[in-house]
Amino acid sequence: MSSDDTSTGQGPKLGEICWLEIPVLDSARAIAFYTAIFDWECDARGVPGPLPTIKQIDFFRKGSLNGAFATVDPKDLAKTTEEHSPSKQSVIASFAVPNVQETLDKVEKAGGKVLV
């Protein structure tokens, strides 16, 4: 994304969340809840998950925010007291930035960690 993209009014602005992935145990329940609360537009067709720990993905959008509900088994849901584990699913928020590497460098300089 170039800085020009943020000035056209299309898509998220620099620093805004542009993708949000929420792990859920029941996608129909999550779709009903977030639609009722935030009026999100949800596509309940469901597609197979990209990882063995994700059963299916249901997409949603609201304005410039796009995302997905990732249906998982309870055992694959991250707990707040656990260390980061690639085999556990937790909320993933992606932010709009002009340059990924420069932003990751800033994250590390500010004391953050890059986990892949």
Protein backbone atom coordinates (compact mmCIF):
# COMPACT_ATOMS: atom_id res chain seq x y z
CA MET A 1 0.00 0.00 0.00
CA SER A 2 1.45 3.32 -0.97
CA SER A 3 0.79 6.56 0.83
CA ASP A 4 -1.32 7.60 -2.19
CA ASP A 5 -3.83 4.85 -1.39
CA THR A 6 -4.71 6.46 1.94
CA SER A 7 -5.55 9.83 0.39
CA THR A 8 -8.16 8.52 -2.07
CA GLY A 9 -10.64 7.56 0.64
CA GLN A 10 -10.53 3.94 -0.50
CA GLY A 11 -9.58 1.39 2.09
CA PRO A 12 -8.19 1.97 5.57
CA LYS A 13 -6.01 4.91 6.49
CA LEU A 14 -2.47 4.49 7.75
CA GLY A 15 -2.53 2.83 11.17
CA GLU A 16 -6.12 1.63 10.96
CA ILE A 17 -7.01 -2.03 11.29
CA CYS A 18 -7.64 -3.36 7.79
CA TRP A 19 -8.04 -7.10 8.61
CA LEU A 20 -9.37 -8.71 11.77
CA GLU A 21 -9.42 -12.46 12.29
CA ILE A 22 -11.43 -13.74 15.24
CA PRO A 23 -11.26 -17.38 16.35
CA VAL A 24 -14.69 -18.74 17.30
CA LEU A 25 -16.16 -22.04 18.39
CA ASP A 26 -19.48 -21.50 16.61
CA SER A 27 -19.49 -19.37 13.44
CA ALA A 28 -23.29 -19.08 13.24
CA ARG A 29 -23.38 -17.72 16.79
CA ALA A 30 -20.53 -15.27 16.06
CA ILE A 31 -22.19 -14.07 12.86
CA ALA A 32 -25.50 -13.47 14.68
CA PHE A 33 -23.74 -11.66 17.54
CA TYR A 34 -21.51 -9.31 15.51
CA THR A 35 -24.30 -8.58 13.02
CA ALA A 36 -26.64 -7.62 15.89
CA ILE A 37 -24.06 -5.52 17.71
CA PHE A 38 -22.05 -3.87 14.90
CA ASP A 39 -24.20 -4.48 11.81
CA TRP A 40 -21.31 -6.32 10.12
CA GLU A 41 -22.01 -7.79 6.70
CA CYS A 42 -21.24 -11.51 6.98
CA ASP A 43 -20.87 -14.22 4.36
CA ALA A 44 -21.97 -17.42 6.09
CA ARG A 45 -21.05 -19.75 3.22
CA GLY A 46 -17.85 -20.82 4.97
CA VAL A 47 -14.71 -22.01 3.21
CA PRO A 48 -12.21 -24.61 4.43
CA GLY A 49 -9.62 -23.27 6.85
CA PRO A 50 -6.07 -22.61 5.64
CA LEU A 51 -4.52 -24.44 8.63
CA PRO A 52 -5.27 -27.83 10.19
CA THR A 53 -6.39 -26.08 13.40
CA ILE A 54 -9.02 -23.98 11.56
CA LYS A 55 -12.13 -25.89 10.44
CA GLN A 56 -13.64 -23.13 8.33
CA ILE A 57 -13.51 -19.41 7.62
CA ASP A 58 -16.54 -17.09 7.35
CA PHE A 59 -15.80 -13.59 6.06
CA PHE A 60 -17.20 -10.25 7.24
CA ARG A 61 -16.84 -6.57 6.43
CA LYS A 62 -17.89 -3.19 7.75
CA GLY A 63 -16.74 -0.12 5.86
CA SER A 64 -13.00 -0.47 5.28
CA LEU A 65 -12.66 -3.27 7.87
CA ASN A 66 -12.50 -6.78 6.44
CA GLY A 67 -12.00 -9.97 8.38
CA ALA A 68 -12.97 -13.51 9.12
CA PHE A 69 -14.32 -15.76 11.83
CA ALA A 70 -12.00 -18.76 12.10
CA THR A 71 -13.90 -21.74 13.50
CA VAL A 72 -11.64 -23.81 15.76
CA ASP A 73 -11.90 -26.61 18.33
CA PRO A 74 -11.76 -25.45 21.98
CA LYS A 75 -8.33 -27.12 22.36
CA ASP A 76 -6.96 -24.92 19.55
CA LEU A 77 -8.10 -21.63 21.08
CA ALA A 78 -5.33 -19.59 22.73
CA LYS A 79 -5.74 -18.74 26.39
CA THR A 80 -4.63 -15.35 27.67
CA THR A 81 -2.19 -16.92 30.15
CA GLU A 82 -0.36 -19.05 27.55
CA GLU A 83 2.81 -18.13 25.72
CA HIS A 84 2.61 -17.53 21.96
CA SER A 85 2.20 -20.78 20.09
CA PRO A 86 1.71 -21.13 16.33
CA SER A 87 -0.61 -24.09 17.01
CA LYS A 88 -3.07 -21.98 19.06
CA GLN A 89 -5.50 -19.53 17.46
CA SER A 90 -6.00 -16.02 18.84
CA VAL A 91 -7.33 -12.73 17.50
CA ILE A 92 -5.22 -11.38 14.64
CA ALA A 93 -5.40 -7.68 13.78
CA SER A 94 -3.57 -6.40 10.71
CA PHE A 95 -2.83 -2.70 10.37
CA ALA A 96 -2.45 -0.62 7.21
CA VAL A 97 1.19 0.47 6.80
CA PRO A 98 3.13 1.96 3.88
CA ASN A 99 6.11 -0.42 4.26
CA VAL A 100 6.02 -3.70 6.20
CA GLN A 101 9.77 -4.01 6.87
CA GLU A 102 10.14 -0.40 8.05
CA THR A 103 7.17 -0.88 10.37
CA LEU A 104 8.58 -4.15 11.78
CA ASP A 105 11.87 -2.34 12.43
CA LYS A 106 9.94 0.33 14.37
CA VAL A 107 8.12 -2.40 16.34
CA GLU A 108 11.41 -3.98 17.43
CA LYS A 109 13.01 -0.59 18.20
CA ALA A 110 10.03 0.20 20.44
CA GLY A 111 10.56 -3.06 22.36
CA GLY A 112 8.07 -5.27 20.52
CA LYS A 113 8.64 -8.74 19.12
CA VAL A 114 8.02 -10.02 15.63
CA LEU A 115 6.45 -13.50 15.81
CA VAL A 116 6.07 -15.53 12.66
